[in-house]
Amino acid sequence: MSSDHSAVEELTPVQLAVVQSVAPHLRHNPYDSYAVLRDAGPFVPGPHDMHLVTRHHEAQTIMQDPRWSHAEEPQLLHGDSDVELPGSFLWMEPPEHTRLRGLVSKAFTARTVSGMRARAEQLVDALLAKMLAAGEVDLLDALAYPLPLTMVCELLGVPADAHEHVRRISTGIARGLDPDLLLSPAELAARTAAVHAFLEFFGDLVEQRRKSPREDLITALVQADDAGARLTRTELLGTLLILVVAGHETTVNLIGNGVLALIRNPEQFERLREFPELCESAVDEVLRYDAPVHLTTRTAHDVITVSGRTFAPGDAVIVLLASANRDARAFPDADKFDIARYARGRKAERHLSFGLGLHYCLGAPLARLEMQVVLRAIADRVAAMTLLDEPSYRPNVVVRGMSELHVRLEEK
């Protein structure tokens, strides 16, 4: 018997669930482990003296309380790594967070995003036509990647012939967002290469826009000078990094997870086809049921008591978003996929997949729009979807999703 096996046998069921919740070979289903952790309590001891926040009430309470900071996340997850991911407003607190988020938020107003619907519909129509003609496809390559990749690249002003280069860079960085203790030397090296490639490519693009402005978001950020709100080069590149990764990788997972849920719950697919107006509520149910992002961190900046537990300044927690979203205390039939859960006229607790408070996801309106367009097109044009084999998953813990999803589509 190996020493590693002996060590695993010595773990308590809760300790084992902590390990299994991040195990690469269990990325297809971390939810069983989350259930064990929720049953153990709202706060479960985790790595580096941090506690895992497992339940919805406590997660929601922490995330909407500004005394809990998100700024320390790079240090909590990556420690003294020799590769520093360029910082963005995501890892800042007011007033810096307010200044930078205010600049970027202008690109994601309801009116701006609404204006992107026609382009999203055009892309989905073309991609779905190719998929239906082919019959059998890897849905990630055929739809889930190209749609959000094209949308975010066009928003930023990335040339079309560089989209695939951006995809490769983004994939390496997304894996590197996981805690360093979960990454192999090869994966750490790949993150280093991806960050360097990102800084080189987008650094050049920023300089091009300084010299030759265009109608795109990079130009707008380069030219930003609202009441002294100009971005430094580091702030600008950090902001672009989070827009690319968060605005692309997470939506890839959202689309893939949503299609998989419909295939595995055919009665819900039939319901969507019969009532396509449920597309909007279906997006929120996908976000709750199988979240694209599974965890985030917070650090106490004051003495704070949550559900009877007191945290001192400097205490850190890992908020398990995907576990909170499956908490039966908040969601009846929490493990059931119900596309009408968030339908108008029905009351449901808010899922936490886009965050809360100061750090609510800036790109949420665009992600919703893209997923709504995908679901509506599938409801209108697809008669049946069949899973050809069990999907494979990337080892990613933070930004969790599939690496392949082979399906057969039949046209109406």
Protein backbone atom coordinates (compact mmCIF):
# COMPACT_ATOMS: atom_id res chain seq x y z
CA MET A 1 0.00 0.00 0.00
CA SER A 2 1.44 3.36 -1.03
CA SER A 3 2.06 6.12 1.48
CA ASP A 4 -0.24 8.42 -0.55
CA HIS A 5 -3.05 5.87 -0.30
CA SER A 6 -2.48 5.52 3.42
CA ALA A 7 -2.65 9.30 3.84
CA VAL A 8 -5.98 9.40 2.01
CA GLU A 9 -7.35 6.63 4.22
CA GLU A 10 -6.46 8.66 7.32
CA LEU A 11 -8.59 11.61 6.22
CA THR A 12 -12.00 12.19 7.75
CA PRO A 13 -14.96 12.16 5.33
CA VAL A 14 -15.04 15.97 5.39
CA GLN A 15 -11.29 16.28 4.78
CA LEU A 16 -11.61 13.80 1.92
CA ALA A 17 -14.44 15.87 0.44
CA VAL A 18 -12.21 18.96 0.56
CA VAL A 19 -9.55 17.10 -1.42
CA GLN A 20 -12.05 15.59 -3.86
CA SER A 21 -13.73 18.94 -4.50
CA VAL A 22 -10.60 20.06 -6.36
CA ALA A 23 -9.40 16.69 -7.70
CA PRO A 24 -8.71 16.82 -11.47
CA HIS A 25 -10.26 13.38 -12.08
CA LEU A 26 -13.51 14.53 -10.42
CA ARG A 27 -13.99 17.79 -12.29
CA HIS A 28 -16.96 16.20 -14.08
CA ASN A 29 -18.78 16.08 -10.73
CA PRO A 30 -17.54 18.10 -7.76
CA TYR A 31 -21.13 18.44 -6.54
CA ASP A 32 -21.16 15.26 -4.46
CA SER A 33 -18.18 16.61 -2.52
CA TYR A 34 -19.87 19.97 -2.11
CA ALA A 35 -22.89 18.23 -0.57
CA VAL A 36 -20.67 16.59 2.05
CA LEU A 37 -19.11 19.96 2.83
CA ARG A 38 -22.48 21.71 3.16
CA ASP A 39 -23.68 19.01 5.54
CA ALA A 40 -20.56 19.56 7.65
CA GLY A 41 -21.45 23.21 8.21
CA PRO A 42 -21.35 26.68 6.63
CA PHE A 43 -17.60 27.00 7.32
CA VAL A 44 -15.22 24.09 6.75
CA PRO A 45 -11.45 24.23 7.39
CA GLY A 46 -9.52 24.54 4.15
CA PRO A 47 -5.90 25.08 3.04
CA HIS A 48 -3.56 27.68 4.55
CA ASP A 49 -5.83 28.39 7.55
CA MET A 50 -8.61 29.55 5.25
CA HIS A 51 -12.19 28.37 5.67
CA LEU A 52 -14.43 27.13 2.87
CA VAL A 53 -17.80 28.86 2.78
CA THR A 54 -20.18 26.14 1.67
CA ARG A 55 -23.73 27.46 2.02
CA HIS A 56 -25.77 30.12 0.27
CA HIS A 57 -26.72 32.37 3.20
CA GLU A 58 -23.16 32.73 4.47
CA ALA A 59 -21.70 33.13 0.97
CA GLN A 60 -24.23 35.82 0.10
CA THR A 61 -23.69 37.62 3.40
CA ILE A 62 -19.92 37.74 2.91
CA MET A 63 -19.96 38.75 -0.74
CA GLN A 64 -22.29 41.71 -0.27
CA ASP A 65 -20.41 43.04 2.77
CA PRO A 66 -17.76 45.61 1.69
CA ARG A 67 -15.71 44.81 4.79
CA TRP A 68 -14.69 41.63 3.03
CA SER A 69 -11.99 42.44 0.47
CA HIS A 70 -11.21 40.75 -2.83
CA ALA A 71 -7.90 42.55 -3.28
CA GLU A 72 -5.81 39.85 -1.60
CA GLU A 73 -6.86 37.02 -3.92
CA PRO A 74 -3.65 36.94 -6.01
CA GLN A 75 -1.56 36.47 -2.87
CA LEU A 76 -3.96 33.90 -1.39
CA LEU A 77 -4.01 31.73 -4.51
CA HIS A 78 -0.57 32.38 -5.98
CA GLY A 79 1.56 33.36 -2.99
CA ASP A 80 5.07 34.46 -3.92
CA SER A 81 4.87 33.21 -7.49
CA ASP A 82 7.54 34.73 -9.69
CA VAL A 83 4.90 35.47 -12.35
CA GLU A 84 2.68 38.38 -11.39
CA LEU A 85 -0.58 38.42 -13.25
CA PRO A 86 -1.16 42.05 -14.20
CA GLY A 87 -3.62 43.50 -11.71
CA SER A 88 -7.03 44.82 -12.60
CA PHE A 89 -9.97 46.43 -10.81
CA LEU A 90 -11.10 42.87 -10.06
CA TRP A 91 -8.44 42.72 -7.35
CA MET A 92 -8.85 46.26 -6.06
CA GLU A 93 -11.04 48.03 -3.55
CA PRO A 94 -12.37 51.62 -3.57
CA PRO A 95 -11.32 54.21 -4.54
CA GLU A 96 -9.11 52.55 -7.21
CA HIS A 97 -11.76 49.94 -7.96
CA THR A 98 -14.44 52.60 -8.39
CA ARG A 99 -12.26 54.65 -10.76
CA LEU A 100 -11.26 51.78 -13.06
CA ARG A 101 -14.59 49.98 -13.05
CA GLY A 102 -16.30 53.23 -13.91
CA LEU A 103 -14.20 53.57 -17.05
CA VAL A 104 -14.80 50.04 -18.26
CA SER A 105 -18.49 49.89 -17.33
CA LYS A 106 -19.34 52.31 -20.13
CA ALA A 107 -18.80 49.45 -22.57
CA PHE A 108 -21.31 47.24 -20.78
CA THR A 109 -24.34 49.47 -20.28
CA ALA A 110 -27.73 47.92 -21.04
CA ARG A 111 -28.02 50.05 -24.17
CA THR A 112 -24.55 49.11 -25.44
CA VAL A 113 -25.05 45.41 -24.84
CA SER A 114 -28.52 45.47 -26.40
CA GLY A 115 -26.88 46.85 -29.52
CA MET A 116 -24.72 43.72 -29.70
CA ARG A 117 -27.70 41.36 -30.03
CA ALA A 118 -27.86 41.53 -33.81
CA ARG A 119 -24.19 40.59 -34.13
CA ALA A 120 -24.60 37.72 -31.65
CA GLU A 121 -27.61 36.41 -33.58
CA GLN A 122 -25.68 36.64 -36.85
CA LEU A 123 -22.78 34.67 -35.42
CA VAL A 124 -24.98 32.01 -33.82
CA ASP A 125 -27.03 31.56 -37.00
CA ALA A 126 -23.89 30.98 -39.05
CA LEU A 127 -22.27 28.67 -36.50
CA LEU A 128 -25.43 26.65 -35.94
CA ALA A 129 -25.97 26.24 -39.68
CA LYS A 130 -22.50 24.67 -39.98
CA MET A 131 -23.17 22.44 -36.99
CA LEU A 132 -26.47 21.19 -38.39
CA ALA A 133 -24.87 20.53 -41.76
CA ALA A 134 -22.10 18.52 -40.11
CA GLY A 135 -24.47 16.62 -37.84
CA GLU A 136 -21.84 15.51 -35.35
CA VAL A 137 -19.56 18.14 -33.78
CA ASP A 138 -17.51 19.09 -30.77
CA LEU A 139 -19.88 21.77 -29.54
CA LEU A 140 -17.11 23.64 -27.73
CA ASP A 141 -15.07 24.15 -30.88
CA ALA A 142 -18.11 24.66 -33.09
CA LEU A 143 -20.06 27.12 -30.94
CA ALA A 144 -19.04 27.66 -27.31
CA TYR A 145 -15.60 29.05 -28.11
CA PRO A 146 -16.10 31.04 -31.32
CA LEU A 147 -19.17 33.01 -30.18
CA PRO A 148 -17.83 34.71 -27.01
CA LEU A 149 -14.30 34.85 -28.44
CA THR A 150 -15.49 36.75 -31.50
CA MET A 151 -17.75 39.02 -29.46
CA VAL A 152 -15.09 40.07 -26.94
CA CYS A 153 -12.36 40.39 -29.57
CA GLU A 154 -14.55 42.60 -31.76
CA LEU A 155 -15.51 44.68 -28.75
CA LEU A 156 -11.86 45.23 -27.88
CA GLY A 157 -10.68 45.69 -31.46
CA VAL A 158 -8.56 42.55 -31.88
CA PRO A 159 -7.96 41.78 -35.59
CA ALA A 160 -9.86 38.73 -36.85
CA ASP A 161 -6.68 36.88 -37.82
CA ALA A 162 -5.48 37.10 -34.20
CA HIS A 163 -8.58 35.63 -32.53
CA GLU A 164 -7.15 32.11 -32.28
CA HIS A 165 -3.93 33.48 -30.82
CA VAL A 166 -5.97 35.22 -28.13
CA ARG A 167 -7.84 31.97 -27.47
CA ARG A 168 -4.60 30.07 -26.84
CA ILE A 169 -3.29 32.79 -24.53
CA SER A 170 -6.58 32.93 -22.64
CA THR A 171 -6.67 29.16 -22.12
CA GLY A 172 -3.22 29.20 -20.51
CA ILE A 173 -4.10 32.08 -18.22
CA ALA A 174 -7.45 30.56 -17.20
CA ARG A 175 -5.69 27.42 -15.99
CA GLY A 176 -3.17 29.60 -14.18
CA LEU A 177 -5.92 31.27 -12.15
CA ASP A 178 -6.11 28.11 -10.04
CA PRO A 179 -4.15 28.04 -6.76
CA ASP A 180 -0.47 27.43 -7.39
CA LEU A 181 -0.47 24.39 -5.11
CA LEU A 182 -2.76 22.65 -7.64
CA LEU A 183 -0.55 23.42 -10.65
CA SER A 184 2.27 21.26 -11.96
CA PRO A 185 5.65 22.80 -12.92
CA ALA A 186 4.63 22.46 -16.57
CA GLU A 187 1.36 24.32 -15.94
CA LEU A 188 3.15 27.07 -14.03
CA ALA A 189 5.56 27.41 -16.96
CA ALA A 190 2.63 27.51 -19.38
CA ARG A 191 1.06 30.32 -17.36
CA THR A 192 4.33 32.24 -17.49
CA ALA A 193 4.44 31.85 -21.27
CA ALA A 194 0.77 32.82 -21.62
CA VAL A 195 1.17 35.97 -19.51
CA HIS A 196 4.25 37.04 -21.46
CA ALA A 197 2.43 36.41 -24.75
CA PHE A 198 -0.56 38.40 -23.50
CA LEU A 199 1.53 41.38 -22.43
CA GLU A 200 3.43 41.38 -25.72
CA PHE A 201 0.36 41.07 -27.96
CA PHE A 202 -1.92 43.51 -26.14
CA GLY A 203 0.96 45.86 -25.35
CA ASP A 204 1.57 46.18 -29.09
CA LEU A 205 -2.14 46.63 -29.74
CA VAL A 206 -2.37 49.41 -27.14
CA GLU A 207 0.52 51.27 -28.81
CA GLN A 208 -1.13 50.87 -32.21
CA ARG A 209 -4.33 52.43 -30.87
CA ARG A 210 -2.41 55.32 -29.34
CA LYS A 211 -1.04 56.11 -32.79
CA SER A 212 -4.11 55.16 -34.83
CA PRO A 213 -7.35 55.34 -32.81
CA ARG A 214 -10.35 53.25 -33.89
CA GLU A 215 -13.92 52.70 -32.74
CA ASP A 216 -13.16 49.99 -30.19
CA LEU A 217 -12.82 49.53 -26.44
CA ILE A 218 -9.01 49.51 -26.38
CA THR A 219 -8.99 52.93 -28.03
CA ALA A 220 -11.59 54.18 -25.53
CA LEU A 221 -9.49 52.95 -22.59
CA VAL A 222 -6.31 54.41 -24.05
CA GLN A 223 -7.99 57.77 -24.47
CA ALA A 224 -9.81 57.70 -21.13
CA ASP A 225 -9.21 60.87 -19.16
CA ASP A 226 -12.36 61.50 -17.20
CA ALA A 227 -11.52 63.78 -14.29
CA GLY A 228 -8.02 62.36 -13.96
CA ALA A 229 -9.18 58.78 -14.42
CA ARG A 230 -6.56 57.86 -17.01
CA LEU A 231 -5.28 54.30 -16.71
CA THR A 232 -1.62 53.53 -16.27
CA ARG A 233 -0.15 50.98 -18.68
CA THR A 234 -0.21 48.30 -15.95
CA GLU A 235 -3.83 49.08 -15.10
CA LEU A 236 -4.81 49.04 -18.75
CA LEU A 237 -3.18 45.67 -19.47
CA GLY A 238 -4.60 44.19 -16.28
CA THR A 239 -8.06 45.38 -17.24
CA LEU A 240 -7.71 43.92 -20.73
CA LEU A 241 -6.59 40.61 -19.25
CA ILE A 242 -9.66 40.25 -17.08
CA LEU A 243 -11.95 41.34 -19.93
CA VAL A 244 -10.48 38.72 -22.23
CA VAL A 245 -10.40 35.83 -19.75
CA ALA A 246 -13.58 36.62 -17.81
CA GLY A 247 -15.44 37.76 -20.92
CA HIS A 248 -14.52 34.68 -22.91
CA GLU A 249 -13.56 31.59 -20.91
CA THR A 250 -16.48 31.83 -18.50
CA THR A 251 -19.03 32.17 -21.30
CA VAL A 252 -17.52 29.16 -23.07
CA ASN A 253 -18.29 27.16 -19.93
CA LEU A 254 -21.76 28.69 -19.62
CA ILE A 255 -22.70 27.63 -23.15
CA GLY A 256 -21.21 24.16 -22.81
CA ASN A 257 -22.80 23.56 -19.41
CA GLY A 258 -26.18 24.77 -20.63
CA VAL A 259 -26.27 22.52 -23.68
CA LEU A 260 -25.12 19.53 -21.63
CA ALA A 261 -27.85 20.17 -19.04
CA LEU A 262 -30.49 20.27 -21.77
CA ILE A 263 -29.23 17.01 -23.28
CA ARG A 264 -29.22 15.27 -19.89
CA ASN A 265 -32.66 16.66 -19.05
CA PRO A 266 -34.62 16.10 -22.29
CA GLU A 267 -37.93 17.09 -20.68
CA GLN A 268 -36.43 20.54 -20.07
CA PHE A 269 -35.26 20.75 -23.69
CA GLU A 270 -38.79 19.91 -24.86
CA ARG A 271 -40.13 22.55 -22.48
CA LEU A 272 -37.74 25.12 -23.97
CA ARG A 273 -38.79 24.22 -27.51
CA GLU A 274 -42.46 24.54 -26.56
CA PHE A 275 -41.98 27.77 -24.58
CA PRO A 276 -38.95 29.58 -26.06
CA GLU A 277 -39.78 32.62 -23.94
CA LEU A 278 -38.18 30.63 -21.09
CA CYS A 279 -34.76 31.25 -22.64
CA GLU A 280 -34.17 34.18 -20.31
CA SER A 281 -34.93 32.29 -17.11
CA ALA A 282 -33.08 29.24 -18.44
CA VAL A 283 -29.85 31.26 -18.52
CA ASP A 284 -30.09 31.95 -14.79
CA GLU A 285 -30.88 28.31 -14.07
CA VAL A 286 -27.79 27.17 -16.00
CA LEU A 287 -25.74 29.69 -14.02
CA ARG A 288 -27.13 28.32 -10.77
CA TYR A 289 -27.13 24.63 -11.65
CA ASP A 290 -23.65 24.37 -13.18
CA ALA A 291 -21.71 27.58 -12.57
CA PRO A 292 -18.84 28.55 -14.91
CA VAL A 293 -16.79 29.88 -11.96
CA HIS A 294 -16.66 27.73 -8.83
CA LEU A 295 -14.91 29.79 -6.21
CA THR A 296 -13.65 33.17 -5.16
CA THR A 297 -11.90 34.50 -2.08
CA ARG A 298 -12.49 37.23 0.46
CA THR A 299 -10.35 38.63 3.29
CA ALA A 300 -11.80 40.28 6.40
CA HIS A 301 -10.80 43.92 6.90
CA ASP A 302 -12.56 44.22 10.24
CA VAL A 303 -13.84 42.04 13.06
CA ILE A 304 -16.84 40.42 11.41
CA THR A 305 -19.32 37.86 12.73
CA VAL A 306 -21.20 35.67 10.24
CA SER A 307 -23.71 33.06 11.43
CA GLY A 308 -22.17 33.03 14.88
CA ARG A 309 -18.57 32.73 13.72
CA THR A 310 -16.24 35.68 14.31
CA PHE A 311 -13.44 36.48 11.87
CA ALA A 312 -10.48 38.72 12.72
CA PRO A 313 -8.92 41.23 10.31
CA GLY A 314 -6.75 39.29 7.87
CA ASP A 315 -8.76 36.06 8.08
CA ALA A 316 -9.45 34.71 4.61
CA VAL A 317 -12.19 32.50 3.22
CA ILE A 318 -12.76 30.60 0.00
CA VAL A 319 -16.35 31.09 -1.12
CA LEU A 320 -17.59 27.99 -2.94
CA LEU A 321 -20.02 29.66 -5.35
CA ALA A 322 -21.09 26.44 -7.04
CA SER A 323 -21.76 24.77 -3.69
CA ALA A 324 -23.84 27.72 -2.48
CA ASN A 325 -25.86 27.53 -5.69
CA ARG A 326 -26.84 23.92 -4.88
CA ASP A 327 -27.79 24.63 -1.25
CA ALA A 328 -31.22 23.11 -0.56
CA ARG A 329 -31.70 25.65 2.24
CA ALA A 330 -31.97 28.31 -0.46
CA PHE A 331 -33.21 26.37 -3.49
CA PRO A 332 -35.98 23.74 -3.38
CA ASP A 333 -34.92 20.65 -5.35
CA ALA A 334 -31.48 22.22 -5.63
CA ASP A 335 -30.03 19.36 -7.67
CA LYS A 336 -32.87 19.52 -10.20
CA PHE A 337 -32.39 21.45 -13.44
CA ASP A 338 -35.54 23.57 -13.90
CA ILE A 339 -35.49 26.17 -16.67
CA ALA A 340 -38.58 27.87 -15.23
CA ARG A 341 -37.11 28.34 -11.75
CA TYR A 342 -36.39 32.02 -12.51
CA ALA A 343 -39.42 32.58 -14.75
CA ARG A 344 -41.44 35.74 -14.24
CA GLY A 345 -43.93 35.42 -11.45
CA ARG A 346 -41.86 32.83 -9.59
CA LYS A 347 -39.72 33.70 -6.60
CA ALA A 348 -36.28 32.15 -6.34
CA GLU A 349 -33.19 32.98 -4.37
CA ARG A 350 -30.48 34.79 -6.28
CA HIS A 351 -27.66 32.58 -7.56
CA LEU A 352 -24.13 33.75 -6.87
CA SER A 353 -22.47 32.93 -10.18
CA PHE A 354 -22.02 36.59 -11.15
CA GLY A 355 -20.99 37.60 -7.64
CA LEU A 356 -22.56 40.31 -5.51
CA GLY A 357 -21.82 43.80 -4.28
CA LEU A 358 -18.79 45.76 -5.44
CA HIS A 359 -17.44 42.89 -7.50
CA TYR A 360 -20.61 41.90 -9.33
CA CYS A 361 -19.55 40.69 -12.78
CA LEU A 362 -19.26 43.64 -15.14
CA GLY A 363 -19.76 41.42 -18.20
CA ALA A 364 -22.90 39.73 -16.89
CA PRO A 365 -25.25 41.49 -19.37
CA LEU A 366 -23.13 40.35 -22.34
CA ALA A 367 -22.85 36.77 -21.07
CA ARG A 368 -26.62 36.65 -20.55
CA LEU A 369 -27.23 38.03 -24.02
CA GLU A 370 -24.95 35.50 -25.72
CA MET A 371 -26.49 32.56 -23.85
CA GLN A 372 -30.04 33.74 -24.53
CA VAL A 373 -29.28 33.94 -28.24
CA VAL A 374 -27.79 30.43 -28.22
CA LEU A 375 -30.76 28.94 -26.36
CA ARG A 376 -33.30 30.67 -28.60
CA ALA A 377 -31.55 29.46 -31.76
CA ILE A 378 -31.38 25.90 -30.45
CA ALA A 379 -35.05 25.99 -29.42
CA ASP A 380 -36.06 27.28 -32.85
CA ARG A 381 -33.85 25.15 -35.10
CA VAL A 382 -32.81 21.94 -33.35
CA ALA A 383 -35.15 18.95 -33.14
CA ALA A 384 -32.90 16.69 -31.07
CA MET A 385 -29.50 16.66 -29.40
CA THR A 386 -27.64 13.47 -28.54
CA LEU A 387 -24.53 13.09 -26.41
CA LEU A 388 -22.05 10.96 -28.36
CA ASP A 389 -19.73 10.21 -25.44
CA GLU A 390 -19.12 11.38 -21.91
CA PRO A 391 -17.60 14.87 -22.01
CA SER A 392 -14.04 15.38 -20.86
CA TYR A 393 -13.19 18.19 -18.45
CA ARG A 394 -10.24 20.48 -18.08
CA PRO A 395 -8.50 20.22 -14.70
CA ASN A 396 -9.41 23.82 -13.89
CA VAL A 397 -10.92 24.43 -10.46
CA VAL A 398 -11.72 28.17 -10.53
CA VAL A 399 -12.93 28.51 -14.12
CA ARG A 400 -14.38 25.01 -14.49
CA GLY A 401 -15.51 23.60 -17.81
CA MET A 402 -15.27 20.91 -20.41
CA SER A 403 -12.49 20.36 -22.90
CA GLU A 404 -14.71 18.47 -25.37
CA LEU A 405 -18.45 17.99 -25.85
CA HIS A 406 -19.28 15.70 -28.77
CA VAL A 407 -22.92 15.87 -29.80
CA ARG A 408 -25.20 14.97 -32.67
CA LEU A 409 -27.69 17.62 -33.75
CA GLU A 410 -30.84 17.02 -35.79
CA GLU A 411 -32.49 19.92 -37.59
CA LYS A 412 -36.21 20.63 -37.35
